[in-house]
Amino acid sequence: MTDSRMWDYRVVELIRTVDGDTFDLTLEKRMDFGFRLIEDKRWSSRFRLLGADTFERNEAGGAAATEFAKNWITLAIRYDVLRGQTFKTDNFGRWLIDLYRLDTLENLSTVLINAGLTKEK
C-alpha cells in the first residue's frame, strides 16, 4: 500500500552534509502528463533523515556519522541509484526523507543504525 502523502524522487546532488542525519539535497521528479508532455522538476531543500538520529557533528561520534552518511550518499548519487521518499516537514521546516538505493535496497537509516552511528533510544 502506498501512502498518499509520500513522494518518490531521484536524488541528484548532495549540496551539504549538515550532520549524519541532516542534508541539503537536490531532488528531481520526471512527470509524464501524456501526449508527449514530459516535464522534469528539480528542487533543493534541507532534509532530515527519517528513522535515525545521529549525534551532532561537534559531539562524540558525530563526525564519523557525518562522514559515513556523506560517503554513502555521494557514492549512490554517482551510480544514479539514490532515491528519496519525502513525507512532510518537521518542526524546523526540514522535509523528512527516507533515502534508499535502488540496486541494493539499502536504507541509509538502517545502515547508520547497524553501523552503530546513531543515538540509543
PDB file of N, CA and C in Angstrom:
ATOM      1  N   MET A   1       0.844  -1.179   0.000  1.00  0.00           N
ATOM      2  CA  MET A   1       0.000   0.000   0.000  1.00  0.00           C
ATOM      3  C   MET A   1       0.887   1.240   0.000  1.00  0.00           C
ATOM      4  N   THR A   2       0.575   2.190  -0.826  1.00  0.00           N
ATOM      5  CA  THR A   2       1.345   3.422  -0.921  1.00  0.00           C
ATOM      6  C   THR A   2       0.674   4.516  -0.105  1.00  0.00           C
ATOM      7  N   ASP A   3       1.461   5.204   0.672  1.00  0.00           N
ATOM      8  CA  ASP A   3       0.972   6.327   1.461  1.00  0.00           C
ATOM      9  C   ASP A   3       0.784   7.512   0.525  1.00  0.00           C
ATOM     10  N   SER A   4      -0.409   8.067   0.483  1.00  0.00           N
ATOM     11  CA  SER A   4      -0.692   9.168  -0.446  1.00  0.00           C
ATOM     12  C   SER A   4       0.098  10.429  -0.115  1.00  0.00           C
ATOM     13  N   ARG A   5       0.677  10.505   1.076  1.00  0.00           N
ATOM     14  CA  ARG A   5       1.471  11.681   1.441  1.00  0.00           C
ATOM     15  C   ARG A   5       2.915  11.532   0.998  1.00  0.00           C
ATOM     16  N   MET A   6       3.284  10.376   0.457  1.00  0.00           N
ATOM     17  CA  MET A   6       4.667  10.069   0.145  1.00  0.00           C
ATOM     18  C   MET A   6       4.974  10.395  -1.313  1.00  0.00           C
ATOM     19  N   TRP A   7       6.132  10.999  -1.541  1.00  0.00           N
ATOM     20  CA  TRP A   7       6.589  11.324  -2.886  1.00  0.00           C
ATOM     21  C   TRP A   7       7.959  10.729  -3.087  1.00  0.00           C
ATOM     22  N   ASP A   8       8.179  10.105  -4.233  1.00  0.00           N
ATOM     23  CA  ASP A   8       9.430   9.432  -4.537  1.00  0.00           C
ATOM     24  C   ASP A   8      10.221  10.255  -5.559  1.00  0.00           C
ATOM     25  N   TYR A   9      11.470  10.569  -5.239  1.00  0.00           N
ATOM     26  CA  TYR A   9      12.305  11.429  -6.082  1.00  0.00           C
ATOM     27  C   TYR A   9      13.656  10.783  -6.347  1.00  0.00           C
ATOM     28  N   ARG A  10      14.259  11.154  -7.454  1.00  0.00           N
ATOM     29  CA  ARG A  10      15.645  10.821  -7.760  1.00  0.00           C
ATOM     30  C   ARG A  10      16.496  11.877  -7.053  1.00  0.00           C
ATOM     31  N   VAL A  11      17.499  11.449  -6.293  1.00  0.00           N
ATOM     32  CA  VAL A  11      18.395  12.382  -5.612  1.00  0.00           C
ATOM     33  C   VAL A  11      19.565  12.625  -6.561  1.00  0.00           C
ATOM     34  N   VAL A  12      19.760  13.891  -6.965  1.00  0.00           N
ATOM     35  CA  VAL A  12      20.761  14.198  -7.987  1.00  0.00           C
ATOM     36  C   VAL A  12      21.971  14.967  -7.472  1.00  0.00           C
ATOM     37  N   GLU A  13      21.875  15.540  -6.269  1.00  0.00           N
ATOM     38  CA  GLU A  13      23.010  16.311  -5.761  1.00  0.00           C
ATOM     39  C   GLU A  13      22.985  16.396  -4.241  1.00  0.00           C
ATOM     40  N   LEU A  14      24.156  16.196  -3.650  1.00  0.00           N
ATOM     41  CA  LEU A  14      24.360  16.468  -2.231  1.00  0.00           C
ATOM     42  C   LEU A  14      25.039  17.823  -2.156  1.00  0.00           C
ATOM     43  N   ILE A  15      24.323  18.819  -1.689  1.00  0.00           N
ATOM     44  CA  ILE A  15      24.854  20.180  -1.605  1.00  0.00           C
ATOM     45  C   ILE A  15      25.708  20.332  -0.346  1.00  0.00           C
ATOM     46  N   ARG A  16      25.180  19.820   0.769  1.00  0.00           N
ATOM     47  CA  ARG A  16      25.871  19.968   2.054  1.00  0.00           C
ATOM     48  C   ARG A  16      25.429  18.865   2.994  1.00  0.00           C
ATOM     49  N   THR A  17      26.374  18.353   3.759  1.00  0.00           N
ATOM     50  CA  THR A  17      26.063  17.414   4.834  1.00  0.00           C
ATOM     51  C   THR A  17      26.144  18.192   6.137  1.00  0.00           C
ATOM     52  N   VAL A  18      25.014  18.457   6.741  1.00  0.00           N
ATOM     53  CA  VAL A  18      24.976  19.217   7.996  1.00  0.00           C
ATOM     54  C   VAL A  18      25.503  18.341   9.125  1.00  0.00           C
ATOM     55  N   ASP A  19      24.975  17.134   9.231  1.00  0.00           N
ATOM     56  CA  ASP A  19      25.469  16.108  10.143  1.00  0.00           C
ATOM     57  C   ASP A  19      24.991  14.768   9.599  1.00  0.00           C
ATOM     58  N   GLY A  20      25.065  13.714  10.375  1.00  0.00           N
ATOM     59  CA  GLY A  20      24.758  12.383   9.878  1.00  0.00           C
ATOM     60  C   GLY A  20      23.310  12.134   9.518  1.00  0.00           C
ATOM     61  N   ASP A  21      22.414  13.018   9.927  1.00  0.00           N
ATOM     62  CA  ASP A  21      21.003  12.812   9.612  1.00  0.00           C
ATOM     63  C   ASP A  21      20.316  14.038   8.993  1.00  0.00           C
ATOM     64  N   THR A  22      21.095  15.046   8.619  1.00  0.00           N
ATOM     65  CA  THR A  22      20.529  16.253   8.012  1.00  0.00           C
ATOM     66  C   THR A  22      21.374  16.671   6.816  1.00  0.00           C
ATOM     67  N   PHE A  23      20.690  16.879   5.678  1.00  0.00           N
ATOM     68  CA  PHE A  23      21.388  17.136   4.421  1.00  0.00           C
ATOM     69  C   PHE A  23      20.672  18.187   3.588  1.00  0.00           C
ATOM     70  N   ASP A  24      21.445  18.934   2.824  1.00  0.00           N
ATOM     71  CA  ASP A  24      20.891  19.798   1.787  1.00  0.00           C
ATOM     72  C   ASP A  24      21.040  19.028   0.483  1.00  0.00           C
ATOM     73  N   LEU A  25      19.913  18.695  -0.147  1.00  0.00           N
ATOM     74  CA  LEU A  25      19.896  17.855  -1.336  1.00  0.00           C
ATOM     75  C   LEU A  25      19.120  18.513  -2.470  1.00  0.00           C
ATOM     76  N   THR A  26      19.447  18.114  -3.688  1.00  0.00           N
ATOM     77  CA  THR A  26      18.636  18.469  -4.855  1.00  0.00           C
ATOM     78  C   THR A  26      17.957  17.196  -5.334  1.00  0.00           C
ATOM     79  N   LEU A  27      16.639  17.275  -5.480  1.00  0.00           N
ATOM     80  CA  LEU A  27      15.833  16.143  -5.926  1.00  0.00           C
ATOM     81  C   LEU A  27      15.251  16.436  -7.298  1.00  0.00           C
ATOM     82  N   GLU A  28      14.925  15.378  -8.013  1.00  0.00           N
ATOM     83  CA  GLU A  28      14.338  15.530  -9.343  1.00  0.00           C
ATOM     84  C   GLU A  28      13.184  14.551  -9.492  1.00  0.00           C
ATOM     85  N   LYS A  29      12.149  14.983 -10.188  1.00  0.00           N
ATOM     86  CA  LYS A  29      10.990  14.133 -10.463  1.00  0.00           C
ATOM     87  C   LYS A  29      10.584  14.350 -11.910  1.00  0.00           C
ATOM     88  N   ARG A  30      10.503  13.277 -12.670  1.00  0.00           N
ATOM     89  CA  ARG A  30      10.017  13.352 -14.052  1.00  0.00           C
ATOM     90  C   ARG A  30       8.514  13.111 -14.026  1.00  0.00           C
ATOM     91  N   MET A  31       7.788  14.045 -14.611  1.00  0.00           N
ATOM     92  CA  MET A  31       6.334  13.941 -14.650  1.00  0.00           C
ATOM     93  C   MET A  31       5.885  13.784 -16.100  1.00  0.00           C
ATOM     94  N   ASP A  32       5.191  12.688 -16.368  1.00  0.00           N
ATOM     95  CA  ASP A  32       4.697  12.385 -17.709  1.00  0.00           C
ATOM     96  C   ASP A  32       3.189  12.602 -17.717  1.00  0.00           C
ATOM     97  N   PHE A  33       2.762  13.647 -18.416  1.00  0.00           N
ATOM     98  CA  PHE A  33       1.352  14.005 -18.466  1.00  0.00           C
ATOM     99  C   PHE A  33       0.636  13.371 -19.660  1.00  0.00           C
ATOM    100  N   GLY A  34       1.369  12.591 -20.445  1.00  0.00           N
ATOM    101  CA  GLY A  34       0.795  12.000 -21.650  1.00  0.00           C
ATOM    102  C   GLY A  34       0.880  12.976 -22.810  1.00  0.00           C
ATOM    103  N   PHE A  35       0.511  12.523 -23.974  1.00  0.00           N
ATOM    104  CA  PHE A  35       0.512  13.360 -25.176  1.00  0.00           C
ATOM    105  C   PHE A  35       1.878  14.014 -25.409  1.00  0.00           C
ATOM    106  N   ARG A  36       2.973  13.255 -25.123  1.00  0.00           N
ATOM    107  CA  ARG A  36       4.352  13.726 -25.272  1.00  0.00           C
ATOM    108  C   ARG A  36       4.653  14.973 -24.439  1.00  0.00           C
ATOM    109  N   LEU A  37       3.940  15.140 -23.367  1.00  0.00           N
ATOM    110  CA  LEU A  37       4.178  16.261 -22.465  1.00  0.00           C
ATOM    111  C   LEU A  37       4.880  15.712 -21.215  1.00  0.00           C
ATOM    112  N   ILE A  38       6.213  15.896 -21.175  1.00  0.00           N
ATOM    113  CA  ILE A  38       7.034  15.420 -20.066  1.00  0.00           C
ATOM    114  C   ILE A  38       7.772  16.611 -19.485  1.00  0.00           C
ATOM    115  N   GLU A  39       7.784  16.673 -18.172  1.00  0.00           N
ATOM    116  CA  GLU A  39       8.450  17.790 -17.509  1.00  0.00           C
ATOM    117  C   GLU A  39       9.314  17.269 -16.364  1.00  0.00           C
ATOM    118  N   ASP A  40      10.562  17.720 -16.318  1.00  0.00           N
ATOM    119  CA  ASP A  40      11.456  17.395 -15.217  1.00  0.00           C
ATOM    120  C   ASP A  40      11.451  18.546 -14.228  1.00  0.00           C
ATOM    121  N   LYS A  41      11.166  18.232 -12.987  1.00  0.00           N
ATOM    122  CA  LYS A  41      11.149  19.240 -11.923  1.00  0.00           C
ATOM    123  C   LYS A  41      12.299  18.963 -10.977  1.00  0.00           C
ATOM    124  N   ARG A  42      13.050  19.993 -10.638  1.00  0.00           N
ATOM    125  CA  ARG A  42      14.147  19.903  -9.663  1.00  0.00           C
ATOM    126  C   ARG A  42      13.896  20.897  -8.550  1.00  0.00           C
ATOM    127  N   TRP A  43      14.267  20.507  -7.341  1.00  0.00           N
ATOM    128  CA  TRP A  43      14.197  21.437  -6.225  1.00  0.00           C
ATOM    129  C   TRP A  43      15.201  21.027  -5.162  1.00  0.00           C
ATOM    130  N   SER A  44      15.690  22.028  -4.467  1.00  0.00           N
ATOM    131  CA  SER A  44      16.682  21.819  -3.412  1.00  0.00           C
ATOM    132  C   SER A  44      16.111  22.286  -2.094  1.00  0.00           C
ATOM    133  N   SER A  45      16.448  21.561  -1.047  1.00  0.00           N
ATOM    134  CA  SER A  45      15.951  21.911   0.272  1.00  0.00           C
ATOM    135  C   SER A  45      16.785  21.189   1.326  1.00  0.00           C
ATOM    136  N   ARG A  46      16.512  21.494   2.581  1.00  0.00           N
ATOM    137  CA  ARG A  46      17.144  20.789   3.697  1.00  0.00           C
ATOM    138  C   ARG A  46      16.237  19.628   4.088  1.00  0.00           C
ATOM    139  N   PHE A  47      16.863  18.458   4.299  1.00  0.00           N
ATOM    140  CA  PHE A  47      16.124  17.253   4.621  1.00  0.00           C
ATOM    141  C   PHE A  47      16.638  16.634   5.909  1.00  0.00           C
ATOM    142  N   ARG A  48      15.734  16.071   6.674  1.00  0.00           N
ATOM    143  CA  ARG A  48      16.051  15.352   7.920  1.00  0.00           C
ATOM    144  C   ARG A  48      15.739  13.888   7.682  1.00  0.00           C
ATOM    145  N   LEU A  49      16.718  13.026   7.901  1.00  0.00           N
ATOM    146  CA  LEU A  49      16.576  11.602   7.680  1.00  0.00           C
ATOM    147  C   LEU A  49      15.522  11.013   8.617  1.00  0.00           C
ATOM    148  N   LEU A  50      14.649  10.227   8.068  1.00  0.00           N
ATOM    149  CA  LEU A  50      13.589   9.581   8.832  1.00  0.00           C
ATOM    150  C   LEU A  50      14.114   8.270   9.415  1.00  0.00           C
ATOM    151  N   GLY A  51      13.907   8.042  10.684  1.00  0.00           N
ATOM    152  CA  GLY A  51      14.230   6.753  11.289  1.00  0.00           C
ATOM    153  C   GLY A  51      15.596   6.619  11.927  1.00  0.00           C
ATOM    154  N   ALA A  52      16.408   7.657  11.911  1.00  0.00           N
ATOM    155  CA  ALA A  52      17.734   7.589  12.544  1.00  0.00           C
ATOM    156  C   ALA A  52      18.063   8.949  13.148  1.00  0.00           C
ATOM    157  N   ASP A  53      18.676   8.915  14.308  1.00  0.00           N
ATOM    158  CA  ASP A  53      19.087  10.143  14.981  1.00  0.00           C
ATOM    159  C   ASP A  53      20.568  10.011  15.310  1.00  0.00           C
ATOM    160  N   THR A  54      21.397  10.766  14.596  1.00  0.00           N
ATOM    161  CA  THR A  54      22.838  10.714  14.837  1.00  0.00           C
ATOM    162  C   THR A  54      23.245  11.862  15.753  1.00  0.00           C
ATOM    163  N   PHE A  55      24.455  11.758  16.277  1.00  0.00           N
ATOM    164  CA  PHE A  55      24.991  12.843  17.089  1.00  0.00           C
ATOM    165  C   PHE A  55      25.314  14.027  16.186  1.00  0.00           C
ATOM    166  N   GLU A  56      25.277  15.216  16.768  1.00  0.00           N
ATOM    167  CA  GLU A  56      25.644  16.412  16.013  1.00  0.00           C
ATOM    168  C   GLU A  56      27.115  16.313  15.639  1.00  0.00           C
ATOM    169  N   ARG A  57      27.499  17.020  14.608  1.00  0.00           N
ATOM    170  CA  ARG A  57      28.858  16.948  14.069  1.00  0.00           C
ATOM    171  C   ARG A  57      29.921  17.218  15.137  1.00  0.00           C
ATOM    172  N   ASN A  58      29.645  18.133  16.090  1.00  0.00           N
ATOM    173  CA  ASN A  58      30.628  18.517  17.107  1.00  0.00           C
ATOM    174  C   ASN A  58      30.570  17.636  18.365  1.00  0.00           C
ATOM    175  N   GLU A  59      29.689  16.641  18.393  1.00  0.00           N
ATOM    176  CA  GLU A  59      29.596  15.728  19.529  1.00  0.00           C
ATOM    177  C   GLU A  59      30.402  14.461  19.237  1.00  0.00           C
ATOM    178  N   ALA A  60      30.742  13.719  20.286  1.00  0.00           N
ATOM    179  CA  ALA A  60      31.465  12.454  20.112  1.00  0.00           C
ATOM    180  C   ALA A  60      30.661  11.532  19.204  1.00  0.00           C
ATOM    181  N   GLY A  61      31.295  11.007  18.173  1.00  0.00           N
ATOM    182  CA  GLY A  61      30.626  10.124  17.223  1.00  0.00           C
ATOM    183  C   GLY A  61      29.938  10.852  16.081  1.00  0.00           C
ATOM    184  N   GLY A  62      29.771  12.158  16.218  1.00  0.00           N
ATOM    185  CA  GLY A  62      29.080  12.935  15.195  1.00  0.00           C
ATOM    186  C   GLY A  62      29.854  13.073  13.903  1.00  0.00           C
ATOM    187  N   ALA A  63      31.158  13.282  14.001  1.00  0.00           N
ATOM    188  CA  ALA A  63      31.982  13.424  12.795  1.00  0.00           C
ATOM    189  C   ALA A  63      31.998  12.121  11.995  1.00  0.00           C
ATOM    190  N   ALA A  64      32.064  10.988  12.686  1.00  0.00           N
ATOM    191  CA  ALA A  64      32.067   9.688  11.997  1.00  0.00           C
ATOM    192  C   ALA A  64      30.742   9.448  11.283  1.00  0.00           C
ATOM    193  N   ALA A  65      29.626   9.765  11.940  1.00  0.00           N
ATOM    194  CA  ALA A  65      28.308   9.585  11.322  1.00  0.00           C
ATOM    195  C   ALA A  65      28.141  10.507  10.125  1.00  0.00           C
ATOM    196  N   THR A  66      28.615  11.742  10.250  1.00  0.00           N
ATOM    197  CA  THR A  66      28.530  12.717   9.164  1.00  0.00           C
ATOM    198  C   THR A  66      29.321  12.252   7.950  1.00  0.00           C
ATOM    199  N   GLU A  67      30.556  11.821   8.173  1.00  0.00           N
ATOM    200  CA  GLU A  67      31.414  11.360   7.080  1.00  0.00           C
ATOM    201  C   GLU A  67      30.848  10.098   6.427  1.00  0.00           C
ATOM    202  N   PHE A  68      30.343   9.176   7.233  1.00  0.00           N
ATOM    203  CA  PHE A  68      29.766   7.942   6.720  1.00  0.00           C
ATOM    204  C   PHE A  68      28.567   8.249   5.816  1.00  0.00           C
ATOM    205  N   ALA A  69      27.655   9.079   6.300  1.00  0.00           N
ATOM    206  CA  ALA A  69      26.460   9.424   5.519  1.00  0.00           C
ATOM    207  C   ALA A  69      26.838  10.151   4.231  1.00  0.00           C
ATOM    208  N   LYS A  70      27.785  11.084   4.331  1.00  0.00           N
ATOM    209  CA  LYS A  70      28.237  11.824   3.149  1.00  0.00           C
ATOM    210  C   LYS A  70      28.778  10.870   2.084  1.00  0.00           C
ATOM    211  N   ASN A  71      29.629   9.939   2.478  1.00  0.00           N
ATOM    212  CA  ASN A  71      30.210   8.989   1.532  1.00  0.00           C
ATOM    213  C   ASN A  71      29.148   8.071   0.934  1.00  0.00           C
ATOM    214  N   TRP A  72      28.214   7.610   1.761  1.00  0.00           N
ATOM    215  CA  TRP A  72      27.147   6.716   1.306  1.00  0.00           C
ATOM    216  C   TRP A  72      26.277   7.411   0.260  1.00  0.00           C
ATOM    217  N   ILE A  73      25.888   8.644   0.540  1.00  0.00           N
ATOM    218  CA  ILE A  73      25.045   9.411  -0.382  1.00  0.00           C
ATOM    219  C   ILE A  73      25.805   9.728  -1.670  1.00  0.00           C
ATOM    220  N   THR A  74      27.044  10.193  -1.545  1.00  0.00           N
ATOM    221  CA  THR A  74      27.844  10.562  -2.716  1.00  0.00           C
ATOM    222  C   THR A  74      28.026   9.386  -3.667  1.00  0.00           C
ATOM    223  N   LEU A  75      28.338   8.226  -3.125  1.00  0.00           N
ATOM    224  CA  LEU A  75      28.529   7.041  -3.956  1.00  0.00           C
ATOM    225  C   LEU A  75      27.226   6.638  -4.657  1.00  0.00           C
ATOM    226  N   ALA A  76      26.121   6.674  -3.944  1.00  0.00           N
ATOM    227  CA  ALA A  76      24.832   6.300  -4.539  1.00  0.00           C
ATOM    228  C   ALA A  76      24.413   7.283  -5.634  1.00  0.00           C
ATOM    229  N   ILE A  77      24.707   8.568  -5.441  1.00  0.00           N
ATOM    230  CA  ILE A  77      24.411   9.559  -6.486  1.00  0.00           C
ATOM    231  C   ILE A  77      25.292   9.306  -7.707  1.00  0.00           C
ATOM    232  N   ARG A  78      26.555   9.008  -7.492  1.00  0.00           N
ATOM    233  CA  ARG A  78      27.481   8.754  -8.597  1.00  0.00           C
ATOM    234  C   ARG A  78      26.973   7.624  -9.502  1.00  0.00           C
ATOM    235  N   TYR A  79      26.397   6.591  -8.892  1.00  0.00           N
ATOM    236  CA  TYR A  79      25.883   5.456  -9.665  1.00  0.00           C
ATOM    237  C   TYR A  79      24.399   5.613 -10.035  1.00  0.00           C
ATOM    238  N   ASP A  80      23.830   6.774  -9.746  1.00  0.00           N
ATOM    239  CA  ASP A  80      22.441   7.096 -10.081  1.00  0.00           C
ATOM    240  C   ASP A  80      21.448   6.064  -9.536  1.00  0.00           C
ATOM    241  N   VAL A  81      21.656   5.657  -8.288  1.00  0.00           N
ATOM    242  CA  VAL A  81      20.762   4.680  -7.675  1.00  0.00           C
ATOM    243  C   VAL A  81      20.105   5.205  -6.399  1.00  0.00           C
ATOM    244  N   LEU A  82      20.304   6.486  -6.095  1.00  0.00           N
ATOM    245  CA  LEU A  82      19.755   7.024  -4.850  1.00  0.00           C
ATOM    246  C   LEU A  82      18.375   7.621  -5.082  1.00  0.00           C
ATOM    247  N   ARG A  83      17.442   7.212  -4.259  1.00  0.00           N
ATOM    248  CA  ARG A  83      16.087   7.740  -4.309  1.00  0.00           C
ATOM    249  C   ARG A  83      15.699   8.205  -2.921  1.00  0.00           C
ATOM    250  N   GLY A  84      14.794   9.163  -2.883  1.00  0.00           N
ATOM    251  CA  GLY A  84      14.305   9.671  -1.617  1.00  0.00           C
ATOM    252  C   GLY A  84      12.790   9.718  -1.608  1.00  0.00           C
ATOM    253  N   GLN A  85      12.213   9.272  -0.522  1.00  0.00           N
ATOM    254  CA  GLN A  85      10.774   9.373  -0.334  1.00  0.00           C
ATOM    255  C   GLN A  85      10.534  10.418   0.741  1.00  0.00           C
ATOM    256  N   THR A  86       9.828  11.459   0.386  1.00  0.00           N
ATOM    257  CA  THR A  86       9.545  12.517   1.345  1.00  0.00           C
ATOM    258  C   THR A  86       8.134  12.356   1.878  1.00  0.00           C
ATOM    259  N   PHE A  87       7.915  12.854   3.066  1.00  0.00           N
ATOM    260  CA  PHE A  87       6.641  12.678   3.730  1.00  0.00           C
ATOM    261  C   PHE A  87       6.007  14.009   4.125  1.00  0.00           C
ATOM    262  N   LYS A  88       6.679  14.762   4.966  1.00  0.00           N
ATOM    263  CA  LYS A  88       6.170  16.041   5.466  1.00  0.00           C
ATOM    264  C   LYS A  88       7.339  16.785   6.083  1.00  0.00           C
ATOM    265  N   THR A  89       7.109  17.985   6.564  1.00  0.00           N
ATOM    266  CA  THR A  89       8.176  18.736   7.215  1.00  0.00           C
ATOM    267  C   THR A  89       8.135  18.506   8.726  1.00  0.00           C
ATOM    268  N   ASP A  90       9.301  18.710   9.353  1.00  0.00           N
ATOM    269  CA  ASP A  90       9.360  18.611  10.805  1.00  0.00           C
ATOM    270  C   ASP A  90       9.146  19.993  11.414  1.00  0.00           C
ATOM    271  N   ASN A  91       9.337  20.110  12.725  1.00  0.00           N
ATOM    272  CA  ASN A  91       9.115  21.384  13.424  1.00  0.00           C
ATOM    273  C   ASN A  91      10.076  22.489  13.001  1.00  0.00           C
ATOM    274  N   PHE A  92      11.197  22.118  12.359  1.00  0.00           N
ATOM    275  CA  PHE A  92      12.195  23.092  11.920  1.00  0.00           C
ATOM    276  C   PHE A  92      12.068  23.417  10.438  1.00  0.00           C
ATOM    277  N   GLY A  93      11.041  22.890   9.772  1.00  0.00           N
ATOM    278  CA  GLY A  93      10.822  23.166   8.361  1.00  0.00           C
ATOM    279  C   GLY A  93      11.612  22.287   7.413  1.00  0.00           C
ATOM    280  N   ARG A  94      12.310  21.288   7.951  1.00  0.00           N
ATOM    281  CA  ARG A  94      13.060  20.362   7.100  1.00  0.00           C
ATOM    282  C   ARG A  94      12.112  19.262   6.633  1.00  0.00           C
ATOM    283  N   TRP A  95      12.257  18.864   5.375  1.00  0.00           N
ATOM    284  CA  TRP A  95      11.471  17.741   4.873  1.00  0.00           C
ATOM    285  C   TRP A  95      12.016  16.456   5.469  1.00  0.00           C
ATOM    286  N   LEU A  96      11.141  15.586   5.932  1.00  0.00           N
ATOM    287  CA  LEU A  96      11.548  14.266   6.396  1.00  0.00           C
ATOM    288  C   LEU A  96      11.719  13.385   5.174  1.00  0.00           C
ATOM    289  N   ILE A  97      12.825  12.648   5.113  1.00  0.00           N
ATOM    290  CA  ILE A  97      13.122  11.849   3.921  1.00  0.00           C
ATOM    291  C   ILE A  97      13.656  10.475   4.307  1.00  0.00           C
ATOM    292  N   ASP A  98      13.267   9.496   3.519  1.00  0.00           N
ATOM    293  CA  ASP A  98      13.801   8.149   3.612  1.00  0.00           C
ATOM    294  C   ASP A  98      14.693   7.964   2.388  1.00  0.00           C
ATOM    295  N   LEU A  99      15.994   7.799   2.595  1.00  0.00           N
ATOM    296  CA  LEU A  99      16.936   7.634   1.484  1.00  0.00           C
ATOM    297  C   LEU A  99      17.257   6.159   1.303  1.00  0.00           C
ATOM    298  N   TYR A 100      17.155   5.678   0.059  1.00  0.00           N
ATOM    299  CA  TYR A 100      17.435   4.275  -0.215  1.00  0.00           C
ATOM    300  C   TYR A 100      18.076   4.108  -1.587  1.00  0.00           C
ATOM    301  N   ARG A 101      18.781   2.985  -1.750  1.00  0.00           N
ATOM    302  CA  ARG A 101      19.440   2.655  -3.013  1.00  0.00           C
ATOM    303  C   ARG A 101      18.562   1.692  -3.801  1.00  0.00           C
ATOM    304  N   LEU A 102      18.444   1.945  -5.097  1.00  0.00           N
ATOM    305  CA  LEU A 102      17.674   1.057  -5.963  1.00  0.00           C
ATOM    306  C   LEU A 102      18.365  -0.284  -6.188  1.00  0.00           C
ATOM    307  N   ASP A 103      19.699  -0.289  -6.247  1.00  0.00           N
ATOM    308  CA  ASP A 103      20.425  -1.516  -6.582  1.00  0.00           C
ATOM    309  C   ASP A 103      20.474  -2.513  -5.431  1.00  0.00           C
ATOM    310  N   THR A 104      20.677  -2.061  -4.220  1.00  0.00           N
ATOM    311  CA  THR A 104      20.810  -2.955  -3.068  1.00  0.00           C
ATOM    312  C   THR A 104      19.609  -2.897  -2.127  1.00  0.00           C
ATOM    313  N   LEU A 105      18.747  -1.907  -2.326  1.00  0.00           N
ATOM    314  CA  LEU A 105      17.587  -1.647  -1.470  1.00  0.00           C
ATOM    315  C   LEU A 105      17.991  -1.270  -0.047  1.00  0.00           C
ATOM    316  N   GLU A 106      19.265  -0.887   0.124  1.00  0.00           N
ATOM    317  CA  GLU A 106      19.724  -0.406   1.431  1.00  0.00           C
ATOM    318  C   GLU A 106      19.044   0.912   1.758  1.00  0.00           C
ATOM    319  N   ASN A 107      18.750   1.084   3.013  1.00  0.00           N
ATOM    320  CA  ASN A 107      18.145   2.301   3.536  1.00  0.00           C
ATOM    321  C   ASN A 107      19.187   2.963   4.436  1.00  0.00           C
ATOM    322  N   LEU A 108      19.456   4.258   4.225  1.00  0.00           N
ATOM    323  CA  LEU A 108      20.516   4.926   4.988  1.00  0.00           C
ATOM    324  C   LEU A 108      20.260   4.868   6.486  1.00  0.00           C
ATOM    325  N   SER A 109      19.041   5.019   6.925  1.00  0.00           N
ATOM    326  CA  SER A 109      18.747   4.956   8.368  1.00  0.00           C
ATOM    327  C   SER A 109      19.168   3.612   8.952  1.00  0.00           C
ATOM    328  N   THR A 110      18.804   2.538   8.279  1.00  0.00           N
ATOM    329  CA  THR A 110      19.141   1.195   8.757  1.00  0.00           C
ATOM    330  C   THR A 110      20.650   0.968   8.744  1.00  0.00           C
ATOM    331  N   VAL A 111      21.312   1.443   7.703  1.00  0.00           N
ATOM    332  CA  VAL A 111      22.768   1.285   7.600  1.00  0.00           C
ATOM    333  C   VAL A 111      23.461   2.034   8.739  1.00  0.00           C
ATOM    334  N   LEU A 112      23.017   3.250   9.031  1.00  0.00           N
ATOM    335  CA  LEU A 112      23.604   4.019  10.141  1.00  0.00           C
ATOM    336  C   LEU A 112      23.383   3.320  11.483  1.00  0.00           C
ATOM    337  N   ILE A 113      22.182   2.798  11.682  1.00  0.00           N
ATOM    338  CA  ILE A 113      21.873   2.086  12.940  1.00  0.00           C
ATOM    339  C   ILE A 113      22.751   0.857  13.059  1.00  0.00           C
ATOM    340  N   ASN A 114      22.831   0.050  11.999  1.00  0.00           N
ATOM    341  CA  ASN A 114      23.631  -1.178  12.024  1.00  0.00           C
ATOM    342  C   ASN A 114      25.115  -0.908  12.206  1.00  0.00           C
ATOM    343  N   ALA A 115      25.584   0.258  11.766  1.00  0.00           N
ATOM    344  CA  ALA A 115      26.994   0.623  11.918  1.00  0.00           C
ATOM    345  C   ALA A 115      27.274   1.218  13.296  1.00  0.00           C
ATOM    346  N   GLY A 116      26.246   1.358  14.126  1.00  0.00           N
ATOM    347  CA  GLY A 116      26.417   1.911  15.472  1.00  0.00           C
ATOM    348  C   GLY A 116      26.673   3.399  15.486  1.00  0.00           C
ATOM    349  N   LEU A 117      26.160   4.118  14.475  1.00  0.00           N
ATOM    350  CA  LEU A 117      26.429   5.560  14.366  1.00  0.00           C
ATOM    351  C   LEU A 117      25.236   6.427  14.778  1.00  0.00           C
ATOM    352  N   THR A 118      24.268   5.856  15.473  1.00  0.00           N
ATOM    353  CA  THR A 118      23.096   6.611  15.911  1.00  0.00           C
ATOM    354  C   THR A 118      23.016   6.637  17.442  1.00  0.00           C
ATOM    355  N   LYS A 119      22.197   7.541  17.940  1.00  0.00           N
ATOM    356  CA  LYS A 119      21.969   7.634  19.380  1.00  0.00           C
ATOM    357  C   LYS A 119      21.110   6.454  19.833  1.00  0.00           C
ATOM    358  N   GLU A 120      21.317   6.025  21.054  1.00  0.00           N
ATOM    359  CA  GLU A 120      20.485   4.962  21.643  1.00  0.00           C
ATOM    360  C   GLU A 120      19.107   5.530  21.929  1.00  0.00           C
ATOM    361  N   LYS A 121      18.094   4.703  21.759  1.00  0.00           N
ATOM    362  CA  LYS A 121      16.719   5.157  22.058  1.00  0.00           C
ATOM    363  C   LYS A 121      16.283   4.627  23.401  1.00  0.00           C
TER     364      LYS A 121
END
